[in-house]
Amino acid sequence: MSIFDGKTLKGWNVNQGEEKWWKVADGAIEGGSLTEHVPHNTFCVSDKSYKDFELNVKFKITPVKGGINSGVQIRSQRIANHHEMIGYQADAAKNYWGKIYDESRRRKVISKVLDPEALAKVVKPEGWNHYRILCKGPRIRMWFNDVACADYTEKDAGIPLEGYIGLQVHGGGTLTVRFKEITLKELSPSKAGQQKAEE
């Protein structure tokens, strides 16, 4: 089901004071600015928390200058009284396409790109790209423009396997990131277990 109605930010929230960085335009959630420097990371976050699911989202980064980076948070939480989120991120930037970054926690890439050559052929640095993300139990699998790019299993039992979806504009640059066609299908344990291995 769609978790973005294409017209409003209903079902999503932005930190107080960061509203200027987020709007809906031409059927997409748009973050950042083409004329102003984005001072720090800012997130547009789902009102609902999810555990096992399949998420699909299209996104387009329009760079101007400075740090050009974005990503999609999954199974994440807002940090109280702070602009950051903590949790897994499907990263989106040069040298980070198709990788899972552990935002505000381990603060590093935690997955390996399955086939760097295949991934490099499908990346559109300034065009529309598509992430498909499948979370089932401790396992997270990702596809970038239909190319399998990450297959990660969490071994730390203390890390939560549930959380919010967050659309990120990374601080340190002048850029916009647009997100559209955001759909999420929640999976029950039985349904998730029936997912084909090649999916």
N, C-alpha and C. Protein backbone atom coordinates (compact mmCIF):
# COMPACT_ATOMS: atom_id res chain seq x y z
N MET A 1 0.83 -1.19 0.00
CA MET A 1 0.00 0.00 0.00
C MET A 1 0.87 1.25 0.00
N SER A 2 0.33 2.32 -0.56
CA SER A 2 1.07 3.57 -0.59
C SER A 2 1.07 4.21 0.80
N ILE A 3 2.22 4.69 1.24
CA ILE A 3 2.27 5.40 2.53
C ILE A 3 2.55 6.89 2.30
N PHE A 4 2.39 7.34 1.04
CA PHE A 4 2.48 8.75 0.68
C PHE A 4 1.38 9.02 -0.33
N ASP A 5 0.51 9.98 -0.02
CA ASP A 5 -0.66 10.21 -0.89
C ASP A 5 -0.36 11.04 -2.13
N GLY A 6 0.88 11.50 -2.27
CA GLY A 6 1.27 12.26 -3.45
C GLY A 6 0.90 13.72 -3.42
N LYS A 7 0.21 14.13 -2.35
CA LYS A 7 -0.28 15.52 -2.30
C LYS A 7 0.08 16.24 -1.00
N THR A 8 0.15 15.48 0.11
CA THR A 8 0.38 16.10 1.42
C THR A 8 1.38 15.26 2.22
N LEU A 9 1.78 15.79 3.36
CA LEU A 9 2.65 15.04 4.26
C LEU A 9 1.85 14.31 5.34
N LYS A 10 0.58 14.03 5.04
CA LYS A 10 -0.23 13.27 5.98
C LYS A 10 0.41 11.90 6.19
N GLY A 11 0.58 11.51 7.47
CA GLY A 11 1.22 10.24 7.78
C GLY A 11 2.72 10.36 7.98
N TRP A 12 3.22 11.59 7.86
CA TRP A 12 4.65 11.86 8.02
C TRP A 12 4.83 13.03 8.97
N ASN A 13 6.01 13.14 9.56
CA ASN A 13 6.28 14.25 10.47
C ASN A 13 7.70 14.77 10.29
N VAL A 14 7.85 16.06 10.58
CA VAL A 14 9.14 16.75 10.47
C VAL A 14 9.39 17.43 11.81
N ASN A 15 10.63 17.44 12.26
CA ASN A 15 10.96 18.10 13.52
C ASN A 15 10.57 19.58 13.48
N GLN A 16 10.09 20.07 14.61
CA GLN A 16 9.78 21.49 14.72
C GLN A 16 11.03 22.31 14.41
N GLY A 17 10.85 23.31 13.58
CA GLY A 17 11.97 24.15 13.17
C GLY A 17 12.61 23.72 11.86
N GLU A 18 12.24 22.52 11.37
CA GLU A 18 12.82 22.02 10.12
C GLU A 18 11.79 21.98 8.98
N GLU A 19 10.65 22.59 9.22
CA GLU A 19 9.57 22.54 8.21
C GLU A 19 9.99 23.17 6.89
N LYS A 20 10.87 24.16 6.94
CA LYS A 20 11.28 24.86 5.72
C LYS A 20 11.98 23.95 4.72
N TRP A 21 12.52 22.83 5.21
CA TRP A 21 13.28 21.94 4.34
C TRP A 21 12.42 20.89 3.66
N TRP A 22 11.13 20.82 3.98
CA TRP A 22 10.30 19.74 3.45
C TRP A 22 8.99 20.27 2.88
N LYS A 23 8.61 19.74 1.73
CA LYS A 23 7.34 20.10 1.09
C LYS A 23 6.95 18.99 0.12
N VAL A 24 5.73 19.09 -0.40
CA VAL A 24 5.28 18.19 -1.45
C VAL A 24 5.17 19.00 -2.74
N ALA A 25 5.81 18.50 -3.78
CA ALA A 25 5.78 19.18 -5.07
C ALA A 25 5.76 18.16 -6.20
N ASP A 26 4.85 18.34 -7.14
CA ASP A 26 4.77 17.47 -8.33
C ASP A 26 4.73 15.99 -7.97
N GLY A 27 3.93 15.67 -6.95
CA GLY A 27 3.72 14.27 -6.60
C GLY A 27 4.86 13.61 -5.85
N ALA A 28 5.76 14.43 -5.30
CA ALA A 28 6.90 13.87 -4.57
C ALA A 28 7.12 14.65 -3.28
N ILE A 29 7.66 13.95 -2.28
CA ILE A 29 8.14 14.63 -1.07
C ILE A 29 9.52 15.19 -1.39
N GLU A 30 9.67 16.49 -1.24
CA GLU A 30 10.93 17.14 -1.60
C GLU A 30 11.60 17.70 -0.35
N GLY A 31 12.87 17.32 -0.16
CA GLY A 31 13.63 17.82 0.97
C GLY A 31 14.84 18.60 0.51
N GLY A 32 15.25 19.57 1.33
CA GLY A 32 16.43 20.36 1.00
C GLY A 32 16.10 21.66 0.29
N SER A 33 17.10 22.21 -0.39
CA SER A 33 16.94 23.50 -1.07
C SER A 33 17.98 23.61 -2.17
N LEU A 34 17.59 24.23 -3.28
CA LEU A 34 18.53 24.48 -4.37
C LEU A 34 19.28 25.79 -4.20
N THR A 35 18.86 26.57 -3.20
CA THR A 35 19.47 27.89 -3.01
C THR A 35 20.08 28.09 -1.64
N GLU A 36 19.68 27.27 -0.66
CA GLU A 36 20.18 27.43 0.70
C GLU A 36 20.98 26.21 1.15
N HIS A 37 22.02 26.46 1.93
CA HIS A 37 22.84 25.41 2.51
C HIS A 37 22.04 24.69 3.60
N VAL A 38 21.98 23.37 3.51
CA VAL A 38 21.29 22.58 4.55
C VAL A 38 22.29 22.35 5.69
N PRO A 39 22.05 22.93 6.87
CA PRO A 39 23.08 22.94 7.91
C PRO A 39 23.34 21.60 8.58
N HIS A 40 22.32 20.78 8.72
CA HIS A 40 22.50 19.49 9.38
C HIS A 40 21.49 18.50 8.83
N ASN A 41 21.68 17.22 9.13
CA ASN A 41 20.76 16.20 8.66
C ASN A 41 19.32 16.53 9.07
N THR A 42 18.40 16.30 8.15
CA THR A 42 16.99 16.51 8.44
C THR A 42 16.21 15.34 7.87
N PHE A 43 15.14 14.95 8.56
CA PHE A 43 14.39 13.75 8.19
C PHE A 43 12.89 14.03 8.15
N CYS A 44 12.24 13.43 7.18
CA CYS A 44 10.78 13.36 7.13
C CYS A 44 10.43 11.91 7.48
N VAL A 45 9.68 11.72 8.59
CA VAL A 45 9.57 10.41 9.21
C VAL A 45 8.11 9.92 9.22
N SER A 46 7.95 8.64 8.96
CA SER A 46 6.60 8.05 9.00
C SER A 46 6.04 8.11 10.41
N ASP A 47 4.73 8.31 10.50
CA ASP A 47 4.08 8.30 11.82
C ASP A 47 4.01 6.89 12.39
N LYS A 48 4.05 5.90 11.53
CA LYS A 48 3.88 4.51 11.95
C LYS A 48 5.22 3.78 11.99
N SER A 49 5.34 2.89 12.94
CA SER A 49 6.53 2.04 13.09
C SER A 49 6.26 0.69 12.42
N TYR A 50 7.31 0.11 11.82
CA TYR A 50 7.15 -1.15 11.09
C TYR A 50 8.21 -2.15 11.50
N LYS A 51 7.86 -3.43 11.39
CA LYS A 51 8.78 -4.51 11.76
C LYS A 51 9.25 -5.27 10.52
N ASP A 52 8.47 -6.22 10.06
CA ASP A 52 8.81 -6.97 8.85
C ASP A 52 8.01 -6.38 7.69
N PHE A 53 8.69 -6.06 6.59
CA PHE A 53 8.00 -5.36 5.51
C PHE A 53 8.81 -5.40 4.22
N GLU A 54 8.12 -5.03 3.14
CA GLU A 54 8.77 -4.74 1.86
C GLU A 54 8.48 -3.28 1.54
N LEU A 55 9.51 -2.51 1.35
CA LEU A 55 9.39 -1.08 1.06
C LEU A 55 9.93 -0.80 -0.33
N ASN A 56 9.18 -0.02 -1.10
CA ASN A 56 9.65 0.45 -2.39
C ASN A 56 9.58 1.97 -2.41
N VAL A 57 10.63 2.60 -2.91
CA VAL A 57 10.65 4.06 -3.00
C VAL A 57 11.54 4.50 -4.15
N LYS A 58 11.06 5.49 -4.88
CA LYS A 58 11.88 6.11 -5.94
C LYS A 58 12.40 7.44 -5.41
N PHE A 59 13.63 7.78 -5.80
CA PHE A 59 14.21 9.02 -5.30
C PHE A 59 15.15 9.63 -6.35
N LYS A 60 15.30 10.93 -6.25
CA LYS A 60 16.15 11.67 -7.19
C LYS A 60 16.89 12.76 -6.43
N ILE A 61 18.21 12.76 -6.54
CA ILE A 61 19.04 13.77 -5.88
C ILE A 61 19.46 14.81 -6.91
N THR A 62 19.20 16.07 -6.59
CA THR A 62 19.62 17.17 -7.45
C THR A 62 20.69 17.96 -6.71
N PRO A 63 21.96 17.81 -7.11
CA PRO A 63 23.05 18.46 -6.38
C PRO A 63 23.30 19.89 -6.87
N VAL A 64 23.72 20.73 -5.95
CA VAL A 64 24.18 22.08 -6.31
C VAL A 64 25.65 22.21 -5.91
N LYS A 65 25.91 22.09 -4.61
CA LYS A 65 27.31 22.14 -4.16
C LYS A 65 27.41 21.57 -2.75
N GLY A 66 28.63 21.20 -2.38
CA GLY A 66 28.88 20.70 -1.02
C GLY A 66 28.57 19.23 -0.88
N GLY A 67 28.29 18.81 0.34
CA GLY A 67 28.01 17.40 0.63
C GLY A 67 26.68 16.97 0.03
N ILE A 68 26.73 16.06 -0.92
CA ILE A 68 25.53 15.61 -1.62
C ILE A 68 25.25 14.17 -1.20
N ASN A 69 24.30 14.00 -0.29
CA ASN A 69 24.07 12.68 0.28
C ASN A 69 22.63 12.59 0.77
N SER A 70 22.08 11.39 0.64
CA SER A 70 20.72 11.16 1.13
C SER A 70 20.62 9.70 1.55
N GLY A 71 19.42 9.26 1.82
CA GLY A 71 19.20 7.88 2.19
C GLY A 71 17.81 7.68 2.74
N VAL A 72 17.46 6.41 2.95
CA VAL A 72 16.16 6.04 3.50
C VAL A 72 16.40 5.25 4.78
N GLN A 73 15.94 5.82 5.90
CA GLN A 73 16.06 5.12 7.19
C GLN A 73 14.99 4.04 7.28
N ILE A 74 15.37 2.89 7.81
CA ILE A 74 14.42 1.82 8.09
C ILE A 74 14.66 1.31 9.51
N ARG A 75 13.60 0.84 10.14
CA ARG A 75 13.70 0.33 11.51
C ARG A 75 14.48 1.31 12.40
N SER A 76 14.15 2.57 12.29
CA SER A 76 14.90 3.62 12.96
C SER A 76 14.04 4.40 13.94
N GLN A 77 14.70 5.16 14.81
CA GLN A 77 14.02 5.99 15.79
C GLN A 77 14.59 7.40 15.73
N ARG A 78 13.75 8.38 16.05
CA ARG A 78 14.27 9.72 16.25
C ARG A 78 15.04 9.76 17.57
N ILE A 79 16.10 10.55 17.62
CA ILE A 79 16.81 10.78 18.87
C ILE A 79 16.16 11.97 19.54
N ALA A 80 15.73 11.79 20.78
CA ALA A 80 14.98 12.83 21.49
C ALA A 80 15.76 14.15 21.55
N ASN A 81 15.05 15.23 21.28
CA ASN A 81 15.63 16.58 21.36
C ASN A 81 16.86 16.72 20.47
N HIS A 82 16.84 16.09 19.31
CA HIS A 82 17.97 16.15 18.39
C HIS A 82 17.44 16.03 16.97
N HIS A 83 18.25 16.46 16.01
CA HIS A 83 17.80 16.38 14.62
C HIS A 83 18.06 15.01 14.01
N GLU A 84 18.85 14.17 14.68
CA GLU A 84 19.27 12.89 14.10
C GLU A 84 18.27 11.77 14.32
N MET A 85 18.45 10.71 13.51
CA MET A 85 17.79 9.43 13.73
C MET A 85 18.86 8.39 13.99
N ILE A 86 18.44 7.28 14.59
CA ILE A 86 19.34 6.17 14.84
C ILE A 86 18.74 4.92 14.23
N GLY A 87 19.55 4.19 13.46
CA GLY A 87 19.06 2.97 12.84
C GLY A 87 19.68 2.73 11.48
N TYR A 88 19.14 1.73 10.80
CA TYR A 88 19.67 1.35 9.48
C TYR A 88 19.27 2.39 8.42
N GLN A 89 20.20 2.63 7.49
CA GLN A 89 19.91 3.53 6.37
C GLN A 89 20.31 2.88 5.06
N ALA A 90 19.38 2.86 4.10
CA ALA A 90 19.71 2.51 2.72
C ALA A 90 20.34 3.77 2.13
N ASP A 91 21.64 3.75 1.99
CA ASP A 91 22.39 4.97 1.68
C ASP A 91 22.24 5.35 0.21
N ALA A 92 22.44 6.63 -0.06
CA ALA A 92 22.30 7.14 -1.42
C ALA A 92 23.26 8.30 -1.63
N ALA A 93 24.40 7.99 -2.22
CA ALA A 93 25.41 9.00 -2.52
C ALA A 93 26.55 8.31 -3.27
N LYS A 94 27.38 9.10 -3.93
CA LYS A 94 28.55 8.55 -4.60
C LYS A 94 29.37 7.73 -3.61
N ASN A 95 29.75 6.55 -4.02
CA ASN A 95 30.51 5.60 -3.20
C ASN A 95 29.68 4.93 -2.10
N TYR A 96 28.39 5.29 -2.00
CA TYR A 96 27.53 4.69 -0.97
C TYR A 96 26.28 4.03 -1.56
N TRP A 97 26.09 4.12 -2.86
CA TRP A 97 24.91 3.51 -3.47
C TRP A 97 24.82 2.04 -3.07
N GLY A 98 23.63 1.60 -2.71
CA GLY A 98 23.38 0.19 -2.47
C GLY A 98 23.91 -0.36 -1.16
N LYS A 99 24.39 0.51 -0.28
CA LYS A 99 24.98 0.06 0.98
C LYS A 99 24.06 0.39 2.15
N ILE A 100 24.18 -0.41 3.21
CA ILE A 100 23.45 -0.15 4.46
C ILE A 100 24.42 0.54 5.42
N TYR A 101 24.03 1.74 5.85
CA TYR A 101 24.83 2.50 6.81
C TYR A 101 24.08 2.49 8.14
N ASP A 102 24.84 2.33 9.22
CA ASP A 102 24.20 2.31 10.54
C ASP A 102 24.28 3.71 11.15
N GLU A 103 23.22 4.47 10.96
CA GLU A 103 23.17 5.89 11.34
C GLU A 103 23.15 6.07 12.85
N SER A 104 24.07 6.90 13.36
CA SER A 104 24.11 7.32 14.76
C SER A 104 24.35 6.18 15.75
N ARG A 105 24.66 4.98 15.26
CA ARG A 105 24.85 3.83 16.15
C ARG A 105 26.28 3.32 15.97
N ARG A 106 26.51 2.47 14.98
CA ARG A 106 27.89 2.06 14.71
C ARG A 106 28.61 3.07 13.81
N ARG A 107 27.81 3.91 13.15
CA ARG A 107 28.32 5.00 12.32
C ARG A 107 29.28 4.50 11.24
N LYS A 108 28.88 3.45 10.57
CA LYS A 108 29.70 2.92 9.49
C LYS A 108 28.84 2.07 8.56
N VAL A 109 29.36 1.78 7.38
CA VAL A 109 28.69 0.87 6.46
C VAL A 109 28.78 -0.54 7.03
N ILE A 110 27.66 -1.25 7.07
CA ILE A 110 27.64 -2.58 7.67
C ILE A 110 27.34 -3.68 6.67
N SER A 111 27.16 -3.34 5.39
CA SER A 111 26.89 -4.35 4.38
C SER A 111 27.90 -4.24 3.24
N LYS A 112 28.05 -5.33 2.50
CA LYS A 112 28.92 -5.34 1.33
C LYS A 112 28.06 -5.31 0.08
N VAL A 113 28.51 -4.58 -0.93
CA VAL A 113 27.80 -4.56 -2.21
C VAL A 113 27.98 -5.93 -2.86
N LEU A 114 26.88 -6.56 -3.24
CA LEU A 114 26.93 -7.93 -3.73
C LEU A 114 27.66 -8.03 -5.08
N ASP A 115 27.41 -7.09 -5.98
CA ASP A 115 28.04 -7.11 -7.31
C ASP A 115 28.32 -5.67 -7.72
N PRO A 116 29.48 -5.12 -7.35
CA PRO A 116 29.77 -3.71 -7.63
C PRO A 116 29.67 -3.34 -9.10
N GLU A 117 30.11 -4.23 -9.99
CA GLU A 117 30.06 -3.91 -11.42
C GLU A 117 28.62 -3.80 -11.91
N ALA A 118 27.77 -4.73 -11.50
CA ALA A 118 26.37 -4.69 -11.92
C ALA A 118 25.67 -3.46 -11.36
N LEU A 119 25.98 -3.13 -10.11
CA LEU A 119 25.36 -1.95 -9.49
C LEU A 119 25.78 -0.68 -10.21
N ALA A 120 27.08 -0.56 -10.50
CA ALA A 120 27.59 0.65 -11.14
C ALA A 120 26.91 0.93 -12.48
N LYS A 121 26.48 -0.12 -13.15
CA LYS A 121 25.86 0.05 -14.47
C LYS A 121 24.46 0.64 -14.40
N VAL A 122 23.81 0.50 -13.24
CA VAL A 122 22.41 0.95 -13.16
C VAL A 122 22.21 2.23 -12.36
N VAL A 123 23.25 2.72 -11.70
CA VAL A 123 23.11 3.95 -10.91
C VAL A 123 22.91 5.15 -11.83
N LYS A 124 21.93 5.97 -11.47
CA LYS A 124 21.68 7.23 -12.18
C LYS A 124 21.94 8.36 -11.18
N PRO A 125 23.18 8.90 -11.12
CA PRO A 125 23.55 9.84 -10.07
C PRO A 125 22.61 11.04 -9.92
N GLU A 126 22.07 11.53 -11.04
CA GLU A 126 21.17 12.68 -10.97
C GLU A 126 19.80 12.37 -11.56
N GLY A 127 19.50 11.09 -11.73
CA GLY A 127 18.20 10.69 -12.24
C GLY A 127 17.38 10.01 -11.16
N TRP A 128 16.24 9.45 -11.57
CA TRP A 128 15.40 8.73 -10.63
C TRP A 128 15.96 7.33 -10.41
N ASN A 129 16.12 6.96 -9.15
CA ASN A 129 16.56 5.63 -8.77
C ASN A 129 15.50 4.97 -7.90
N HIS A 130 15.60 3.67 -7.74
CA HIS A 130 14.58 2.91 -7.01
C HIS A 130 15.23 1.97 -6.01
N TYR A 131 14.79 2.04 -4.78
CA TYR A 131 15.19 1.07 -3.76
C TYR A 131 14.02 0.14 -3.46
N ARG A 132 14.32 -1.14 -3.42
CA ARG A 132 13.39 -2.13 -2.88
C ARG A 132 14.08 -2.73 -1.67
N ILE A 133 13.42 -2.69 -0.53
CA ILE A 133 14.03 -3.11 0.73
C ILE A 133 13.11 -4.15 1.39
N LEU A 134 13.67 -5.32 1.69
CA LEU A 134 12.90 -6.40 2.30
C LEU A 134 13.50 -6.71 3.66
N CYS A 135 12.70 -6.50 4.70
CA CYS A 135 13.13 -6.77 6.08
C CYS A 135 12.32 -7.92 6.63
N LYS A 136 13.01 -8.95 7.05
CA LYS A 136 12.35 -10.13 7.64
C LYS A 136 13.22 -10.61 8.79
N GLY A 137 12.71 -10.49 10.00
CA GLY A 137 13.51 -10.86 11.15
C GLY A 137 14.82 -10.07 11.16
N PRO A 138 15.94 -10.72 11.42
CA PRO A 138 17.21 -9.99 11.46
C PRO A 138 17.83 -9.74 10.09
N ARG A 139 17.18 -10.22 9.04
CA ARG A 139 17.75 -10.12 7.70
C ARG A 139 17.18 -8.93 6.93
N ILE A 140 18.08 -8.19 6.30
CA ILE A 140 17.70 -7.05 5.46
C ILE A 140 18.30 -7.28 4.07
N ARG A 141 17.45 -7.27 3.07
CA ARG A 141 17.92 -7.39 1.68
C ARG A 141 17.49 -6.14 0.90
N MET A 142 18.35 -5.71 -0.01
CA MET A 142 18.05 -4.50 -0.79
C MET A 142 18.37 -4.72 -2.26
N TRP A 143 17.57 -4.05 -3.10
CA TRP A 143 17.77 -4.01 -4.54
C TRP A 143 17.81 -2.55 -4.96
N PHE A 144 18.76 -2.22 -5.84
CA PHE A 144 18.89 -0.85 -6.35
C PHE A 144 18.65 -0.91 -7.85
N ASN A 145 17.57 -0.26 -8.30
CA ASN A 145 17.17 -0.35 -9.71
C ASN A 145 17.15 -1.81 -10.18
N ASP A 146 16.57 -2.67 -9.33
CA ASP A 146 16.35 -4.09 -9.60
C ASP A 146 17.61 -4.94 -9.56
N VAL A 147 18.73 -4.37 -9.18
CA VAL A 147 19.96 -5.15 -9.00
C VAL A 147 20.16 -5.43 -7.51
N ALA A 148 20.28 -6.71 -7.15
CA ALA A 148 20.51 -7.06 -5.75
C ALA A 148 21.82 -6.42 -5.28
N CYS A 149 21.74 -5.68 -4.17
CA CYS A 149 22.93 -4.94 -3.75
C CYS A 149 23.37 -5.22 -2.32
N ALA A 150 22.46 -5.67 -1.46
CA ALA A 150 22.83 -5.91 -0.06
C ALA A 150 22.03 -7.07 0.51
N ASP A 151 22.69 -7.86 1.34
CA ASP A 151 22.05 -8.97 2.04
C ASP A 151 22.75 -9.05 3.40
N TYR A 152 22.09 -8.47 4.40
CA TYR A 152 22.71 -8.32 5.71
C TYR A 152 21.85 -8.97 6.78
N THR A 153 22.49 -9.72 7.67
CA THR A 153 21.80 -10.32 8.80
C THR A 153 22.39 -9.77 10.09
N GLU A 154 21.53 -9.17 10.91
CA GLU A 154 21.97 -8.57 12.17
C GLU A 154 22.27 -9.66 13.19
N LYS A 155 23.47 -9.59 13.75
CA LYS A 155 23.88 -10.59 14.74
C LYS A 155 23.79 -10.08 16.17
N ASP A 156 23.57 -8.78 16.35
CA ASP A 156 23.46 -8.20 17.69
C ASP A 156 22.00 -8.27 18.14
N ALA A 157 21.72 -9.16 19.08
CA ALA A 157 20.34 -9.35 19.54
C ALA A 157 19.77 -8.14 20.27
N GLY A 158 20.63 -7.22 20.64
CA GLY A 158 20.16 -6.03 21.35
C GLY A 158 19.67 -4.92 20.45
N ILE A 159 19.84 -5.07 19.15
CA ILE A 159 19.41 -4.03 18.20
C ILE A 159 17.96 -4.30 17.78
N PRO A 160 17.09 -3.30 17.93
CA PRO A 160 15.66 -3.51 17.62
C PRO A 160 15.42 -3.78 16.15
N LEU A 161 14.48 -4.67 15.87
CA LEU A 161 14.12 -5.02 14.50
C LEU A 161 12.79 -4.38 14.12
N GLU A 162 12.54 -3.22 14.65
CA GLU A 162 11.32 -2.47 14.35
C GLU A 162 11.64 -0.99 14.46
N GLY A 163 10.94 -0.18 13.68
CA GLY A 163 11.15 1.26 13.78
C GLY A 163 10.46 1.99 12.64
N TYR A 164 10.81 3.25 12.50
CA TYR A 164 10.15 4.14 11.55
C TYR A 164 10.92 4.23 10.24
N ILE A 165 10.21 4.69 9.21
CA ILE A 165 10.82 5.00 7.92
C ILE A 165 11.19 6.48 7.94
N GLY A 166 12.39 6.81 7.52
CA GLY A 166 12.80 8.21 7.51
C GLY A 166 13.45 8.57 6.19
N LEU A 167 13.01 9.66 5.58
CA LEU A 167 13.60 10.16 4.34
C LEU A 167 14.62 11.22 4.73
N GLN A 168 15.86 11.05 4.28
CA GLN A 168 16.94 11.92 4.75
C GLN A 168 17.43 12.90 3.69
N VAL A 169 17.70 14.13 4.14
CA VAL A 169 18.58 15.04 3.40
C VAL A 169 19.77 15.28 4.31
N HIS A 170 20.94 14.91 3.83
CA HIS A 170 22.14 15.03 4.64
C HIS A 170 22.58 16.49 4.69
N GLY A 171 23.04 16.91 5.86
CA GLY A 171 23.54 18.27 6.01
C GLY A 171 24.89 18.46 5.34
N GLY A 172 25.26 19.71 5.15
CA GLY A 172 26.58 20.02 4.62
C GLY A 172 26.61 20.39 3.15
N GLY A 173 25.44 20.49 2.53
CA GLY A 173 25.42 20.82 1.11
C GLY A 173 24.19 21.61 0.73
N THR A 174 24.15 21.98 -0.55
CA THR A 174 22.98 22.61 -1.14
C THR A 174 22.45 21.61 -2.16
N LEU A 175 21.28 21.08 -1.91
CA LEU A 175 20.73 20.02 -2.74
C LEU A 175 19.26 19.83 -2.45
N THR A 176 18.57 19.16 -3.36
CA THR A 176 17.23 18.67 -3.06
C THR A 176 17.20 17.17 -3.32
N VAL A 177 16.37 16.49 -2.55
CA VAL A 177 16.11 15.08 -2.77
C VAL A 177 14.60 14.90 -2.85
N ARG A 178 14.15 14.22 -3.88
CA ARG A 178 12.72 13.99 -4.05
C ARG A 178 12.43 12.50 -3.91
N PHE A 179 11.33 12.20 -3.24
CA PHE A 179 10.92 10.82 -3.00
C PHE A 179 9.49 10.65 -3.50
N LYS A 180 9.21 9.58 -4.24
CA LYS A 180 7.86 9.36 -4.73
C LYS A 180 7.57 7.86 -4.82
N GLU A 181 6.29 7.55 -5.10
CA GLU A 181 5.85 6.16 -5.24
C GLU A 181 6.36 5.31 -4.08
N ILE A 182 6.07 5.80 -2.87
CA ILE A 182 6.51 5.13 -1.65
C ILE A 182 5.44 4.13 -1.22
N THR A 183 5.75 2.85 -1.35
CA THR A 183 4.80 1.81 -0.97
C THR A 183 5.42 0.88 0.05
N LEU A 184 4.60 0.39 0.95
CA LEU A 184 5.08 -0.53 1.98
C LEU A 184 4.05 -1.62 2.21
N LYS A 185 4.53 -2.86 2.18
CA LYS A 185 3.67 -4.02 2.47
C LYS A 185 4.19 -4.67 3.73
N GLU A 186 3.36 -4.67 4.78
CA GLU A 186 3.76 -5.34 6.01
C GLU A 186 3.67 -6.83 5.82
N LEU A 187 4.63 -7.54 6.38
CA LEU A 187 4.69 -8.99 6.25
C LEU A 187 4.48 -9.65 7.60
N SER A 188 3.56 -10.59 7.66
CA SER A 188 3.44 -11.41 8.85
C SER A 188 4.57 -12.42 8.80
N PRO A 189 4.96 -13.02 9.92
CA PRO A 189 6.05 -14.01 9.90
C PRO A 189 5.83 -15.11 8.88
N SER A 190 4.57 -15.57 8.73
CA SER A 190 4.31 -16.66 7.80
C SER A 190 4.47 -16.20 6.37
N LYS A 191 3.94 -15.01 6.04
CA LYS A 191 4.06 -14.50 4.68
C LYS A 191 5.52 -14.19 4.35
N ALA A 192 6.21 -13.59 5.32
CA ALA A 192 7.60 -13.23 5.07
C ALA A 192 8.42 -14.48 4.79
N GLY A 193 8.08 -15.57 5.46
CA GLY A 193 8.83 -16.79 5.27
C GLY A 193 8.61 -17.41 3.90
N GLN A 194 7.56 -16.98 3.21
CA GLN A 194 7.26 -17.53 1.90
C GLN A 194 7.93 -16.74 0.77
N GLN A 195 8.62 -15.66 1.11
CA GLN A 195 9.30 -14.88 0.08
C GLN A 195 10.32 -15.75 -0.63
N LYS A 196 10.36 -15.67 -1.92
CA LYS A 196 11.30 -16.49 -2.68
C LYS A 196 12.73 -16.01 -2.41
N ALA A 197 13.63 -16.96 -2.42
CA ALA A 197 15.03 -16.66 -2.11
C ALA A 197 15.62 -15.66 -3.10
N GLU A 198 15.13 -15.69 -4.34
CA GLU A 198 15.73 -14.80 -5.34
C GLU A 198 15.15 -13.39 -5.30
N GLU A 199 14.13 -13.16 -4.51
CA GLU A 199 13.49 -11.84 -4.45
C GLU A 199 14.43 -10.82 -3.84
